[in-house]
Amino acid sequence: MRHLILVLSLTLIASCGWHLRGVTSLPEGYRIIHLSGYEKTELHSNLIDQLEFNGVLVTASAADAPVLIRITDYLVEKRTLSVNSLGQVSEYELNGYLTAKVEKQLDGTTHEISVQARRTLQNDVNNVVATQQEEQTLRQDLDSDLRTRLLRRLQNLDDQ
């Protein structure tokens, strides 16, 4: 009886479309990739980790990969969203932009992918350290969102 319940539970989970969070299945043509641009940033190393987690082989040389991804632009800007009655900033908005060029060496096609994400930061003028820590956490979350959006766009690239 236990085995029947276990099998039914697994079948139900598999049939409902549930997937492990963070897993993005890329098309077969994107299983071997060379990544360049912004090499000395945390974004680059985290993107490599995320690609490898999704079963992609990231090569050290561009000659070894049929697909080249070059991060051409990465920017996180911080702007004032609102101020309080004393003229102090009470909210900031963090806007992240990521642009990458994807080149398939076999047929020479090139696609440009641009993604963006946004977060709001509450500024507590009485607790600067906590606000800085919250900003650092939001920037990491913003980077994660940009990486996920880039992978989703890669996933749908062959459909275009």
Protein backbone atom coordinates (compact mmCIF):
# COMPACT_ATOMS: atom_id res chain seq x y z
CA MET A 1 0.00 0.00 0.00
CA ARG A 2 2.86 2.37 0.83
CA HIS A 3 4.44 1.76 -2.53
CA LEU A 4 1.19 2.53 -4.31
CA ILE A 5 0.82 5.83 -2.44
CA LEU A 6 4.45 6.73 -3.18
CA VAL A 7 4.06 5.96 -6.89
CA LEU A 8 0.81 7.93 -7.09
CA SER A 9 2.40 10.90 -5.30
CA LEU A 10 5.41 10.93 -7.61
CA THR A 11 3.17 10.62 -10.65
CA LEU A 12 1.06 13.53 -9.44
CA ILE A 13 4.11 15.72 -8.85
CA ALA A 14 5.61 14.84 -12.23
CA SER A 15 2.37 15.45 -14.10
CA CYS A 16 1.61 18.86 -12.59
CA GLY A 17 4.62 20.48 -14.24
CA TRP A 18 6.59 20.95 -11.05
CA HIS A 19 10.30 21.62 -11.63
CA LEU A 20 13.18 22.23 -9.30
CA ARG A 21 13.55 25.97 -8.86
CA GLY A 22 16.36 27.47 -10.91
CA VAL A 23 16.43 24.70 -13.50
CA THR A 24 16.10 26.00 -17.05
CA SER A 25 16.32 23.39 -19.74
CA LEU A 26 18.17 24.88 -22.69
CA PRO A 27 17.82 23.54 -26.24
CA GLU A 28 20.37 20.99 -27.46
CA GLY A 29 22.24 23.60 -29.48
CA TYR A 30 23.09 25.48 -26.27
CA ARG A 31 24.68 22.62 -24.31
CA ILE A 32 28.27 23.84 -24.93
CA ILE A 33 28.84 27.57 -24.47
CA HIS A 34 31.72 29.99 -24.15
CA LEU A 35 30.94 32.98 -21.92
CA SER A 36 32.90 36.24 -22.13
CA GLY A 37 32.57 39.80 -20.92
CA TYR A 38 32.70 41.16 -17.37
CA GLU A 39 35.00 38.27 -16.37
CA LYS A 40 36.11 39.81 -13.10
CA THR A 41 32.61 40.35 -11.75
CA GLU A 42 30.48 38.22 -9.50
CA LEU A 43 27.79 38.21 -12.20
CA HIS A 44 30.10 36.35 -14.59
CA SER A 45 31.09 33.62 -12.11
CA ASN A 46 27.51 33.20 -10.88
CA LEU A 47 26.26 32.93 -14.47
CA ILE A 48 28.82 30.19 -15.16
CA ASP A 49 27.65 28.36 -12.02
CA GLN A 50 24.02 28.66 -13.07
CA LEU A 51 24.76 27.44 -16.60
CA GLU A 52 26.68 24.44 -15.25
CA PHE A 53 23.84 23.71 -12.81
CA ASN A 54 21.53 23.52 -15.83
CA GLY A 55 23.76 20.95 -17.54
CA VAL A 56 25.68 23.32 -19.83
CA LEU A 57 29.39 22.83 -20.45
CA VAL A 58 31.12 26.23 -20.25
CA THR A 59 34.40 26.15 -22.18
CA ALA A 60 37.53 28.17 -21.48
CA SER A 61 38.17 28.83 -25.17
CA ALA A 62 35.80 30.29 -27.74
CA ALA A 63 37.12 27.88 -30.36
CA ASP A 64 35.81 24.91 -28.35
CA ALA A 65 32.17 26.05 -28.23
CA PRO A 66 29.51 26.19 -30.95
CA VAL A 67 27.75 29.04 -29.11
CA LEU A 68 29.39 32.23 -27.84
CA ILE A 69 27.71 34.46 -25.29
CA ARG A 70 29.30 37.85 -24.75
CA ILE A 71 27.97 40.09 -21.99
CA THR A 72 28.18 43.50 -23.61
CA ASP A 73 26.54 45.66 -20.98
CA TYR A 74 25.77 45.28 -17.31
CA LEU A 75 24.56 48.14 -15.18
CA VAL A 76 22.80 48.59 -11.86
CA GLU A 77 21.66 52.13 -11.28
CA LYS A 78 20.30 53.55 -8.06
CA ARG A 79 17.89 56.45 -8.18
CA THR A 80 15.78 58.29 -5.68
CA LEU A 81 12.19 57.12 -5.64
CA SER A 82 10.74 59.24 -2.83
CA VAL A 83 11.73 61.66 -0.07
CA ASN A 84 10.24 62.29 3.34
CA SER A 85 8.99 65.60 4.76
CA LEU A 86 12.53 66.52 5.91
CA GLY A 87 13.91 66.16 2.40
CA GLN A 88 15.71 62.90 3.20
CA VAL A 89 15.55 59.98 0.79
CA SER A 90 13.05 57.41 2.05
CA GLU A 91 13.08 55.03 -0.94
CA TYR A 92 15.52 54.13 -3.67
CA GLU A 93 14.90 52.19 -6.84
CA LEU A 94 17.54 49.77 -8.12
CA ASN A 95 17.35 49.15 -11.87
CA GLY A 96 19.45 46.38 -13.37
CA TYR A 97 20.20 46.05 -17.07
CA LEU A 98 21.99 43.18 -18.78
CA THR A 99 22.70 42.90 -22.50
CA ALA A 100 24.34 39.92 -24.15
CA LYS A 101 25.14 38.89 -27.72
CA VAL A 102 24.59 35.25 -28.57
CA GLU A 103 26.41 33.94 -31.62
CA LYS A 104 25.95 30.47 -33.05
CA GLN A 105 29.20 29.72 -34.85
CA LEU A 106 27.76 26.94 -37.02
CA ASP A 107 25.35 29.13 -38.98
CA GLY A 108 26.69 32.57 -38.01
CA THR A 109 23.41 33.84 -36.55
CA THR A 110 23.65 36.51 -33.89
CA HIS A 111 20.99 37.55 -31.41
CA GLU A 112 21.07 40.37 -28.91
CA ILE A 113 19.30 39.75 -25.64
CA SER A 114 18.45 42.58 -23.26
CA VAL A 115 16.87 41.96 -19.88
CA GLN A 116 16.08 44.24 -17.01
CA ALA A 117 14.88 43.94 -13.43
CA ARG A 118 13.88 46.37 -10.70
CA ARG A 119 13.87 46.41 -6.90
CA THR A 120 12.78 48.98 -4.32
CA LEU A 121 14.94 49.77 -1.30
CA GLN A 122 13.54 51.37 1.86
CA ASN A 123 16.08 53.85 3.25
CA ASP A 124 16.22 54.09 7.04
CA VAL A 125 18.30 57.19 7.81
CA ASN A 126 18.54 56.14 11.47
CA ASN A 127 19.96 52.70 10.67
CA VAL A 128 22.53 53.10 7.90
CA VAL A 129 24.25 49.73 8.39
CA ALA A 130 21.01 47.79 8.03
CA THR A 131 20.11 49.81 4.94
CA GLN A 132 23.49 49.01 3.37
CA GLN A 133 23.07 45.31 4.13
CA GLU A 134 19.57 45.37 2.64
CA GLU A 135 20.92 47.10 -0.47
CA GLN A 136 23.59 44.43 -0.86
CA THR A 137 20.95 41.69 -0.53
CA LEU A 138 18.70 43.41 -3.08
CA ARG A 139 21.60 43.77 -5.54
CA GLN A 140 22.32 40.03 -5.26
CA ASP A 141 18.62 39.31 -5.80
CA LEU A 142 18.62 41.66 -8.79
CA ASP A 143 21.63 39.88 -10.30
CA SER A 144 19.95 36.51 -9.77
CA ASP A 145 16.81 37.77 -11.49
CA LEU A 146 18.85 39.10 -14.44
CA ARG A 147 20.65 35.77 -14.84
CA THR A 148 17.37 33.83 -14.71
CA ARG A 149 15.77 36.13 -17.29
CA LEU A 150 18.79 35.73 -19.57
CA LEU A 151 18.54 31.93 -19.37
CA ARG A 152 14.81 32.04 -20.11
CA ARG A 153 15.48 34.17 -23.17
CA LEU A 154 18.15 31.67 -24.26
CA GLN A 155 15.63 28.89 -23.77
CA ASN A 156 13.22 30.56 -26.20
CA LEU A 157 15.81 31.78 -28.71
CA ASP A 158 15.29 28.97 -31.25
CA ASP A 159 11.52 29.62 -31.25
CA GLN A 160 12.00 33.08 -32.76
